[in-house]
């Protein structure tokens, strides 16, 4: 087992190191999160009216870009601080999982297996190196659950409320942890449940009302309404959650074997967290989601496994190590070779290579050399060259479909020559903007990337 865990940790560490060192966009959303951090560092608002430039939606609460913004003055507009923050959060999650396992007091091997499960999961591998909000949010969420599980009295309530609040203000979908902890406290004592709810809800409500008032109602539009109305595709949800369960089947069998009794009476925060997180993972059916929605139930499962290990009958004690070794062996993967492409879209899960670096450098030179205004769909190329980010195509498309955004200001700017250069990779512009681009822009360069993306460079023609 130690050899398998060492292999998984080593592969993940290599992958994260290569991603941190890579200077260009790795994922669609990274450039927009970097842009948020830069805007906050400059004292600019995040939540703005999308009917005028910049037409960029900030779909998350501000904590992650705020933390990143403190480093912008030292590092400049680069991706590495955000990726380091995500990698450190991943390490913190592994430490929490290991500490939880040691507190269960069933020996060292459940802790090794639980940490190994986190490191071995292809979804952690695919996502944990991105400069995105998820890993920091999950560190806070898991911390809240673990604090509620093991700390006692008022300290448990206050610490869990603080960590769950930080999780919510990093990514709102981590309400799952708050629900699990709040329900567990309430089942123990209604006073504890009420205290936790008050400590979590009152400060969050005050901050939310203040942000919404300061932004003229745009905070609610960007963070609450924009995300809540995303349609769920049942087939996509079933495929994503089914793949999660299939890949980690032995671990899920062990976890739910323990839950069948742990859910009786007054279940603990850890026991409640797994079914709530798994149910929430069906939101991966949202067309704008990805494998990041599958990481939280995996972390909840890693918290549960030591309890299942301890509950094994003495006569079946060998089953724990055997199942752990088999599960870890089934999850073995290698960078850009095998086992990393489950559910991957575009470049997700790819370890950057020299070929990726060459394409990024070419695009970077094009952006730097362009004298006029431009739109770069991989937004990091604009931000790192101190260019404004004018649009966020995928969210504009979604807002238009819901009748909350009109495309005329964008199509007029595209047609009248305001933007002389356009770089696309994901082809997520609203349909009428795509038609305008076809009418007024000429494809001048196409750069097929080894990861399957095709970067297209267009220039305006009168």
Protein backbone atom coordinates (compact mmCIF):
# COMPACT_ATOMS: atom_id res chain seq x y z
CA UNK A 1 0.00 0.00 0.00
CA UNK A 2 2.80 2.42 0.85
CA UNK A 3 4.31 1.98 -2.62
CA UNK A 4 0.97 2.73 -4.31
CA UNK A 5 0.35 5.81 -2.19
CA UNK A 6 3.90 7.04 -2.85
CA UNK A 7 3.34 6.55 -6.58
CA UNK A 8 0.09 8.52 -6.55
CA UNK A 9 1.54 11.33 -4.43
CA UNK A 10 4.62 11.52 -6.65
CA UNK A 11 2.62 11.64 -9.88
CA UNK A 12 0.31 14.31 -8.47
CA UNK A 13 3.24 16.38 -7.17
CA UNK A 14 4.97 16.26 -10.57
CA UNK A 15 1.77 17.25 -12.36
CA UNK A 16 1.13 20.16 -9.96
CA UNK A 17 4.72 21.38 -10.28
CA UNK A 18 4.49 21.41 -14.08
CA UNK A 19 1.19 23.28 -13.97
CA UNK A 20 2.47 25.87 -11.49
CA UNK A 21 5.51 26.54 -13.72
CA UNK A 22 3.42 26.89 -16.90
CA UNK A 23 2.87 30.61 -17.56
CA UNK A 24 -0.27 30.47 -19.73
CA UNK A 25 -3.94 29.48 -19.42
CA UNK A 26 -4.56 25.83 -18.58
CA UNK A 27 -8.32 26.01 -18.08
CA UNK A 28 -11.08 28.21 -19.45
CA UNK A 29 -11.87 29.91 -16.14
CA UNK A 30 -8.34 30.60 -14.93
CA UNK A 31 -7.86 33.82 -16.86
CA UNK A 32 -11.10 35.27 -15.55
CA UNK A 33 -10.21 34.46 -11.92
CA UNK A 34 -6.80 36.08 -12.47
CA UNK A 35 -8.63 39.07 -13.93
CA UNK A 36 -10.77 39.29 -10.78
CA UNK A 37 -7.66 39.25 -8.61
CA UNK A 38 -6.06 42.02 -10.67
CA UNK A 39 -9.22 44.12 -10.55
CA UNK A 40 -9.39 43.81 -6.77
CA UNK A 41 -5.70 44.70 -6.50
CA UNK A 42 -6.49 47.89 -8.43
CA UNK A 43 -9.53 48.67 -6.31
CA UNK A 44 -11.96 47.97 -9.15
CA UNK A 45 -15.38 46.33 -8.59
CA UNK A 46 -16.01 42.70 -9.53
CA UNK A 47 -19.78 42.69 -9.88
CA UNK A 48 -20.68 45.02 -12.74
CA UNK A 49 -23.48 45.56 -15.24
CA UNK A 50 -22.97 43.11 -18.11
CA UNK A 51 -24.70 45.36 -20.62
CA UNK A 52 -21.59 47.48 -20.87
CA UNK A 53 -17.89 46.71 -21.09
CA UNK A 54 -16.34 44.89 -19.35
CA UNK A 55 -18.97 42.21 -19.95
CA UNK A 56 -17.35 39.82 -17.49
CA UNK A 57 -19.38 37.91 -14.93
CA UNK A 58 -17.75 37.00 -11.62
CA UNK A 59 -19.76 33.93 -10.60
CA UNK A 60 -18.19 33.32 -7.19
CA UNK A 61 -17.96 35.13 -3.85
CA UNK A 62 -14.84 37.28 -3.56
CA UNK A 63 -12.64 35.48 -1.02
CA UNK A 64 -10.35 33.53 -3.37
CA UNK A 65 -9.55 36.43 -5.75
CA UNK A 66 -9.23 38.70 -2.70
CA UNK A 67 -6.52 36.46 -1.21
CA UNK A 68 -4.82 36.27 -4.62
CA UNK A 69 -5.04 40.05 -5.03
CA UNK A 70 -2.77 40.54 -2.00
CA UNK A 71 0.00 38.87 -4.02
CA UNK A 72 -0.55 40.68 -7.32
CA UNK A 73 1.55 43.68 -6.27
CA UNK A 74 4.45 41.30 -5.56
CA UNK A 75 4.17 38.89 -8.48
CA UNK A 76 2.32 40.82 -11.17
CA UNK A 77 -0.55 39.37 -13.23
CA UNK A 78 0.67 35.77 -13.41
CA UNK A 79 -1.00 32.42 -12.73
CA UNK A 80 1.53 30.86 -10.37
CA UNK A 81 0.24 32.39 -7.08
CA UNK A 82 -3.29 31.14 -7.74
CA UNK A 83 -2.05 27.69 -8.69
CA UNK A 84 0.21 27.52 -5.65
CA UNK A 85 -2.77 28.47 -3.49
CA UNK A 86 -4.78 25.59 -4.99
CA UNK A 87 -1.89 23.13 -4.61
CA UNK A 88 -1.34 24.15 -0.98
CA UNK A 89 -5.08 23.76 -0.37
CA UNK A 90 -4.87 20.24 -1.79
CA UNK A 91 -2.04 19.47 0.61
CA UNK A 92 -4.09 20.92 3.45
CA UNK A 93 -7.01 18.69 2.52
CA UNK A 94 -4.76 15.63 2.55
CA UNK A 95 -3.47 16.65 5.98
CA UNK A 96 -7.04 17.06 7.29
CA UNK A 97 -8.04 13.67 5.92
CA UNK A 98 -5.00 12.05 7.52
CA UNK A 99 -5.58 13.77 10.88
CA UNK A 100 -9.22 12.71 10.87
CA UNK A 101 -8.15 9.11 10.23
CA UNK A 102 -5.64 9.18 13.08
CA UNK A 103 -8.33 10.50 15.44
CA UNK A 104 -10.46 7.47 14.61
CA UNK A 105 -7.70 5.44 16.32
CA UNK A 106 -7.70 2.37 14.15
CA UNK A 107 -4.00 2.44 13.30
CA UNK A 108 -1.79 4.15 10.74
CA UNK A 109 -3.01 2.23 7.69
CA UNK A 110 -6.47 3.85 7.42
CA UNK A 111 -4.74 7.25 7.42
CA UNK A 112 -2.39 6.12 4.65
CA UNK A 113 -5.31 4.74 2.64
CA UNK A 114 -7.45 7.87 3.10
CA UNK A 115 -4.66 10.22 2.01
CA UNK A 116 -3.87 7.87 -0.86
CA UNK A 117 -7.47 7.95 -2.03
CA UNK A 118 -7.35 11.75 -2.30
CA UNK A 119 -4.04 11.69 -4.16
CA UNK A 120 -5.16 8.83 -6.43
CA UNK A 121 -8.46 10.28 -7.60
CA UNK A 122 -8.28 11.31 -11.26
CA UNK A 123 -10.59 14.25 -10.53
CA UNK A 124 -8.22 15.67 -7.91
CA UNK A 125 -5.40 15.16 -10.42
CA UNK A 126 -7.34 16.93 -13.17
CA UNK A 127 -8.42 19.98 -11.17
CA UNK A 128 -6.26 20.64 -8.12
CA UNK A 129 -3.53 22.54 -9.97
CA UNK A 130 -5.80 25.12 -11.55
CA UNK A 131 -6.01 28.70 -10.33
CA UNK A 132 -9.68 28.19 -9.50
CA UNK A 133 -11.69 28.65 -6.31
CA UNK A 134 -12.52 24.99 -5.68
CA UNK A 135 -9.63 23.56 -3.67
CA UNK A 136 -9.48 26.44 -1.19
CA UNK A 137 -13.25 26.25 -0.74
CA UNK A 138 -13.07 22.49 -0.14
CA UNK A 139 -10.23 22.93 2.36
CA UNK A 140 -12.45 25.23 4.42
CA UNK A 141 -15.49 22.96 3.98
CA UNK A 142 -13.65 19.80 5.03
CA UNK A 143 -12.09 21.72 7.90
CA UNK A 144 -15.54 22.73 9.14
CA UNK A 145 -16.77 19.14 9.06
CA UNK A 146 -13.66 17.80 10.81
CA UNK A 147 -13.85 20.54 13.46
CA UNK A 148 -17.48 19.69 14.18
CA UNK A 149 -16.58 16.00 14.33
CA UNK A 150 -13.70 16.17 16.79
CA UNK A 151 -13.75 19.42 18.72
CA UNK A 152 -16.04 19.76 21.69
CA UNK A 153 -18.45 22.32 23.12
CA UNK A 154 -18.42 25.95 22.05
CA UNK A 155 -15.06 25.59 20.34
CA UNK A 156 -16.56 23.08 17.89
CA UNK A 157 -19.52 25.34 17.09
CA UNK A 158 -17.46 28.51 16.64
CA UNK A 159 -14.64 26.88 14.65
CA UNK A 160 -17.01 24.95 12.39
CA UNK A 161 -19.11 28.08 11.75
CA UNK A 162 -16.01 30.11 10.90
CA UNK A 163 -14.64 27.49 8.48
CA UNK A 164 -18.01 26.81 6.85
CA UNK A 165 -18.47 30.56 6.44
CA UNK A 166 -15.07 30.90 4.77
CA UNK A 167 -16.00 28.00 2.49
CA UNK A 168 -19.27 29.70 1.49
CA UNK A 169 -17.50 32.97 0.74
CA UNK A 170 -15.02 31.10 -1.45
CA UNK A 171 -17.58 29.04 -3.38
CA UNK A 172 -21.28 29.04 -2.63
CA UNK A 173 -21.83 25.37 -3.50
CA UNK A 174 -19.96 24.35 -0.34
CA UNK A 175 -23.20 24.99 1.53
CA UNK A 176 -23.17 21.16 1.66
CA UNK A 177 -20.68 21.22 4.54
CA UNK A 178 -22.74 23.79 6.42
CA UNK A 179 -25.86 21.65 5.98
CA UNK A 180 -24.12 18.52 7.27
CA UNK A 181 -22.60 20.30 10.26
CA UNK A 182 -25.76 22.24 11.10
CA UNK A 183 -27.91 19.13 10.98
CA UNK A 184 -25.45 17.15 13.12
CA UNK A 185 -25.32 19.92 15.75
CA UNK A 186 -29.11 20.21 15.77
CA UNK A 187 -29.54 16.48 16.29
CA UNK A 188 -27.17 16.67 19.27
CA UNK A 189 -28.73 19.80 20.77
CA UNK A 190 -31.06 22.37 19.27
CA UNK A 191 -29.10 25.09 21.08
CA UNK A 192 -25.88 24.04 19.34
CA UNK A 193 -27.67 23.95 16.00
CA UNK A 194 -29.17 27.40 16.56
CA UNK A 195 -25.82 28.84 17.66
CA UNK A 196 -24.06 27.40 14.59
CA UNK A 197 -26.78 28.74 12.27
CA UNK A 198 -26.60 32.20 13.83
CA UNK A 199 -22.80 32.37 13.74
CA UNK A 200 -22.84 31.34 10.08
CA UNK A 201 -25.91 33.15 8.77
CA UNK A 202 -25.77 36.56 10.45
CA UNK A 203 -22.27 37.62 9.31
CA UNK A 204 -22.90 36.13 5.85
CA UNK A 205 -26.18 38.02 5.52
CA UNK A 206 -24.57 41.30 6.58
CA UNK A 207 -21.70 40.90 4.11
CA UNK A 208 -24.07 39.80 1.35
CA UNK A 209 -26.43 42.75 1.83
CA UNK A 210 -23.49 45.16 1.89
CA UNK A 211 -21.95 43.72 -1.27
CA UNK A 212 -25.27 43.74 -3.06
CA UNK A 213 -25.96 47.36 -2.10
CA UNK A 214 -22.42 48.46 -3.04
CA UNK A 215 -22.72 46.80 -6.45
CA UNK A 216 -26.22 48.10 -7.23
CA UNK A 217 -27.69 44.61 -7.04
CA UNK A 218 -25.07 43.04 -9.30
CA UNK A 219 -23.65 40.79 -6.57
CA UNK A 220 -26.92 38.86 -6.40
CA UNK A 221 -27.11 38.82 -10.21
CA UNK A 222 -23.59 37.44 -10.65
CA UNK A 223 -23.29 35.04 -7.69
CA UNK A 224 -26.81 33.94 -6.77
CA UNK A 225 -29.22 34.31 -9.68
CA UNK A 226 -26.70 33.53 -12.40
CA UNK A 227 -25.70 30.21 -10.85
CA UNK A 228 -29.07 29.14 -9.42
CA UNK A 229 -30.77 29.26 -12.81
CA UNK A 230 -28.25 27.07 -14.64
CA UNK A 231 -30.18 24.16 -16.19
CA UNK A 232 -29.35 20.62 -15.07
CA UNK A 233 -29.03 17.99 -17.80
CA UNK A 234 -30.09 14.68 -16.18
CA UNK A 235 -28.10 12.48 -18.56
CA UNK A 236 -24.92 14.50 -18.02
CA UNK A 237 -25.45 14.37 -14.25
CA UNK A 238 -25.93 10.60 -14.35
CA UNK A 239 -22.79 10.10 -16.45
CA UNK A 240 -20.64 12.26 -14.16
CA UNK A 241 -21.85 10.80 -10.86
CA UNK A 242 -21.91 7.29 -12.31
CA UNK A 243 -18.27 7.64 -13.40
CA UNK A 244 -17.31 8.92 -9.95
CA UNK A 245 -18.93 5.94 -8.24
CA UNK A 246 -17.60 3.43 -10.78
CA UNK A 247 -13.99 4.59 -10.46
CA UNK A 248 -14.12 4.61 -6.65
CA UNK A 249 -16.55 1.70 -6.33
CA UNK A 250 -14.73 -0.25 -3.62
CA UNK A 251 -14.36 2.85 -1.48
CA UNK A 252 -18.03 3.74 -1.92
CA UNK A 253 -19.09 0.20 -0.99
CA UNK A 254 -17.05 0.43 2.22
CA UNK A 255 -18.32 3.91 2.99
CA UNK A 256 -21.99 3.10 2.56
CA UNK A 257 -21.56 -0.21 4.42
CA UNK A 258 -20.54 1.88 7.44
CA UNK A 259 -23.25 4.49 6.83
CA UNK A 260 -26.04 1.94 7.05
CA UNK A 261 -25.60 2.02 10.84
CA UNK A 262 -23.91 5.40 11.28
CA UNK A 263 -27.04 7.19 10.02
CA UNK A 264 -29.19 5.71 12.80
CA UNK A 265 -29.99 7.94 15.76
CA UNK A 266 -27.78 11.02 15.87
CA UNK A 267 -25.38 10.74 12.92
CA UNK A 268 -22.07 12.56 13.10
CA UNK A 269 -21.01 15.44 10.81
CA UNK A 270 -18.77 13.09 8.80
CA UNK A 271 -21.61 10.57 8.36
CA UNK A 272 -24.01 13.27 7.12
CA UNK A 273 -21.45 14.93 4.87
CA UNK A 274 -21.03 12.00 2.46
CA UNK A 275 -24.67 11.56 1.33
CA UNK A 276 -25.23 15.34 1.18
CA UNK A 277 -22.06 15.90 -0.88
CA UNK A 278 -22.88 12.98 -3.17
CA UNK A 279 -26.39 14.30 -3.75
CA UNK A 280 -25.00 17.78 -4.49
CA UNK A 281 -22.59 16.32 -7.05
CA UNK A 282 -25.53 15.82 -9.39
CA UNK A 283 -25.17 19.55 -10.09
CA UNK A 284 -22.37 18.39 -12.41
CA UNK A 285 -25.27 18.06 -14.83
CA UNK A 286 -25.05 21.81 -15.27
CA UNK A 287 -23.63 22.34 -18.76
CA UNK A 288 -21.09 24.86 -17.43
CA UNK A 289 -19.74 22.51 -14.78
CA UNK A 290 -16.87 20.05 -14.87
CA UNK A 291 -15.14 17.39 -12.79
CA UNK A 292 -14.65 19.90 -9.96
CA UNK A 293 -18.16 19.01 -8.76
CA UNK A 294 -17.01 15.44 -8.14
CA UNK A 295 -14.17 16.27 -5.76
CA UNK A 296 -16.26 17.09 -2.68
CA UNK A 297 -18.00 13.68 -2.41
CA UNK A 298 -14.58 12.06 -2.89
CA UNK A 299 -13.21 14.06 0.06
CA UNK A 300 -16.27 13.17 2.14
CA UNK A 301 -15.65 9.51 1.28
CA UNK A 302 -12.02 9.80 2.41
CA UNK A 303 -13.25 11.14 5.77
CA UNK A 304 -15.65 8.19 6.15
CA UNK A 305 -13.28 5.35 5.24
CA UNK A 306 -11.34 5.19 8.55
CA UNK A 307 -14.64 4.70 10.39
CA UNK A 308 -15.55 1.85 8.05
CA UNK A 309 -12.09 0.32 8.59
CA UNK A 310 -12.54 0.47 12.37
CA UNK A 311 -16.01 -1.10 12.13
CA UNK A 312 -14.73 -4.23 10.39
CA UNK A 313 -15.16 -7.40 12.47
CA UNK A 314 -11.93 -8.80 13.87
CA UNK A 315 -12.28 -11.87 11.67
CA UNK A 316 -12.42 -9.65 8.57
CA UNK A 317 -9.63 -7.27 9.53
CA UNK A 318 -7.62 -8.22 6.45
CA UNK A 319 -10.43 -6.91 4.22
CA UNK A 320 -9.48 -3.27 4.87
CA UNK A 321 -5.92 -3.45 3.52
CA UNK A 322 -6.95 -5.69 0.62
CA UNK A 323 -9.74 -3.37 -0.51
CA UNK A 324 -7.52 -0.30 -0.10
CA UNK A 325 -4.70 -1.79 -2.17
CA UNK A 326 -7.14 -2.91 -4.89
CA UNK A 327 -8.83 0.50 -5.02
CA UNK A 328 -5.54 2.37 -5.22
CA UNK A 329 -4.25 0.00 -7.91
CA UNK A 330 -7.37 0.55 -10.02
CA UNK A 331 -6.78 4.32 -9.91
CA UNK A 332 -3.16 4.24 -11.10
CA UNK A 333 -2.53 6.85 -13.81
CA UNK A 334 0.35 8.51 -15.60
CA UNK A 335 0.72 12.07 -16.98
CA UNK A 336 -0.56 12.44 -20.56
CA UNK A 337 -0.66 8.66 -20.92
CA UNK A 338 -3.49 6.77 -19.22
CA UNK A 339 -6.00 7.15 -16.41
CA UNK A 340 -6.18 10.96 -16.46
CA UNK A 341 -8.78 11.58 -19.15
CA UNK A 342 -12.00 10.46 -17.45
CA UNK A 343 -14.76 12.97 -18.28
CA UNK A 344 -12.04 15.38 -19.41
CA UNK A 345 -13.13 18.18 -21.71
CA UNK A 346 -10.64 20.25 -23.69
CA UNK A 347 -7.32 20.31 -21.86
CA UNK A 348 -8.52 19.17 -18.42
CA UNK A 349 -6.03 16.80 -16.82
CA UNK A 350 -3.23 17.44 -19.29
CA UNK A 351 0.26 18.03 -17.95
CA UNK A 352 1.71 20.91 -20.01
CA UNK A 353 4.64 20.12 -22.31
CA UNK A 354 7.14 22.02 -24.43
CA UNK A 355 4.64 21.97 -27.33
CA UNK A 356 2.02 23.66 -25.16
CA UNK A 357 4.61 26.20 -24.07
CA UNK A 358 5.50 27.02 -27.69
CA UNK A 359 1.87 27.65 -28.64
CA UNK A 360 1.35 29.78 -25.55
CA UNK A 361 4.44 31.84 -26.35
CA UNK A 362 3.19 32.41 -29.91
CA UNK A 363 -0.19 33.62 -28.69
CA UNK A 364 1.47 35.77 -26.05
CA UNK A 365 3.62 37.45 -28.71
CA UNK A 366 0.57 38.12 -30.87
CA UNK A 367 -1.25 39.79 -27.99
CA UNK A 368 1.79 41.83 -27.03
CA UNK A 369 2.39 43.00 -30.61
CA UNK A 370 -1.21 43.98 -31.40
CA UNK A 371 -1.48 47.81 -31.33
CA UNK A 372 -5.26 47.92 -31.17
CA UNK A 373 -7.83 46.58 -28.72
CA UNK A 374 -8.43 42.84 -28.70
CA UNK A 375 -10.53 40.05 -27.23
CA UNK A 376 -8.79 36.91 -26.02
CA UNK A 377 -11.17 34.10 -25.11
CA UNK A 378 -8.36 32.50 -23.09
CA UNK A 379 -8.41 35.64 -20.94
CA UNK A 380 -5.04 35.07 -19.30
CA UNK A 381 -3.25 36.19 -22.46
CA UNK A 382 -4.87 39.59 -22.10
CA UNK A 383 -4.40 39.92 -18.33
CA UNK A 384 -0.73 38.93 -18.27
CA UNK A 385 -0.01 41.62 -20.91
CA UNK A 386 -1.92 44.32 -19.02
CA UNK A 387 -4.74 44.27 -21.56
CA UNK A 388 -8.37 44.69 -20.46
CA UNK A 389 -10.67 41.65 -20.44
CA UNK A 390 -13.77 42.81 -22.28
CA UNK A 391 -16.04 39.76 -22.44
CA UNK A 392 -16.62 36.35 -20.87
CA UNK A 393 -18.33 34.52 -23.75
CA UNK A 394 -19.77 31.45 -22.03
CA UNK A 395 -21.60 33.47 -19.37
CA UNK A 396 -22.86 36.01 -21.89
CA UNK A 397 -24.32 33.15 -23.92
CA UNK A 398 -26.04 31.76 -20.82
CA UNK A 399 -27.34 35.19 -19.76
CA UNK A 400 -28.74 35.81 -23.25
CA UNK A 401 -30.55 32.47 -23.28
CA UNK A 402 -32.29 33.48 -20.04
CA UNK A 403 -33.25 36.90 -21.40
CA UNK A 404 -30.97 38.80 -19.00
CA UNK A 405 -28.47 40.14 -21.54
CA UNK A 406 -28.82 41.87 -24.89
CA UNK A 407 -26.07 41.35 -27.44
CA UNK A 408 -26.30 44.63 -29.38
CA UNK A 409 -23.46 46.48 -27.58
CA UNK A 410 -21.10 43.57 -28.23
CA UNK A 411 -22.09 42.94 -31.84
CA UNK A 412 -21.91 46.66 -32.60
CA UNK A 413 -18.39 46.85 -31.16
CA UNK A 414 -17.36 43.79 -33.17
CA UNK A 415 -18.78 45.15 -36.40
CA UNK A 416 -17.50 48.73 -36.16
CA UNK A 417 -13.84 47.79 -35.69
CA UNK A 418 -13.37 48.56 -32.02
CA UNK A 419 -11.49 45.27 -31.71
CA UNK A 420 -8.76 44.63 -34.26
CA UNK A 421 -7.81 41.14 -33.07
CA UNK A 422 -9.76 38.21 -31.70
CA UNK A 423 -8.33 34.97 -30.25
CA UNK A 424 -10.65 32.04 -29.65
CA UNK A 425 -10.17 28.51 -28.34
CA UNK A 426 -13.46 27.32 -26.89
CA UNK A 427 -15.97 28.82 -29.35
CA UNK A 428 -18.40 29.82 -26.62
CA UNK A 429 -19.51 33.20 -27.96
CA UNK A 430 -23.25 33.91 -28.21
CA UNK A 431 -24.66 32.90 -31.59
CA UNK A 432 -25.21 36.42 -32.91
CA UNK A 433 -21.68 37.41 -31.85
CA UNK A 434 -20.34 34.40 -33.77
CA UNK A 435 -22.26 35.52 -36.87
CA UNK A 436 -20.83 39.02 -36.51
CA UNK A 437 -17.32 37.61 -36.18
CA UNK A 438 -17.83 35.56 -39.36
CA UNK A 439 -18.92 38.69 -41.25
CA UNK A 440 -16.27 41.13 -40.05
CA UNK A 441 -13.20 39.09 -39.10
CA UNK A 442 -10.77 37.00 -41.14
CA UNK A 443 -8.98 33.95 -39.80
CA UNK A 444 -5.26 34.71 -40.03
CA UNK A 445 -3.69 31.92 -38.00
CA UNK A 446 -4.73 28.56 -36.56
CA UNK A 447 -2.72 26.86 -33.83
CA UNK A 448 -3.81 23.28 -33.07
CA UNK A 449 -2.70 22.34 -29.58
CA UNK A 450 -1.64 18.84 -28.50
CA UNK A 451 -4.42 18.90 -25.90
CA UNK A 452 -7.11 19.04 -28.59
CA UNK A 453 -7.85 22.76 -28.47
CA UNK A 454 -7.53 24.81 -31.63
CA UNK A 455 -6.48 28.40 -31.05
CA UNK A 456 -7.78 30.63 -33.82
CA UNK A 457 -6.55 34.18 -34.45
CA UNK A 458 -8.82 36.56 -36.32
CA UNK A 459 -8.28 40.11 -37.54
CA UNK A 460 -10.88 42.72 -38.30
CA UNK A 461 -11.51 43.71 -41.91
CA UNK A 462 -13.61 46.75 -42.82
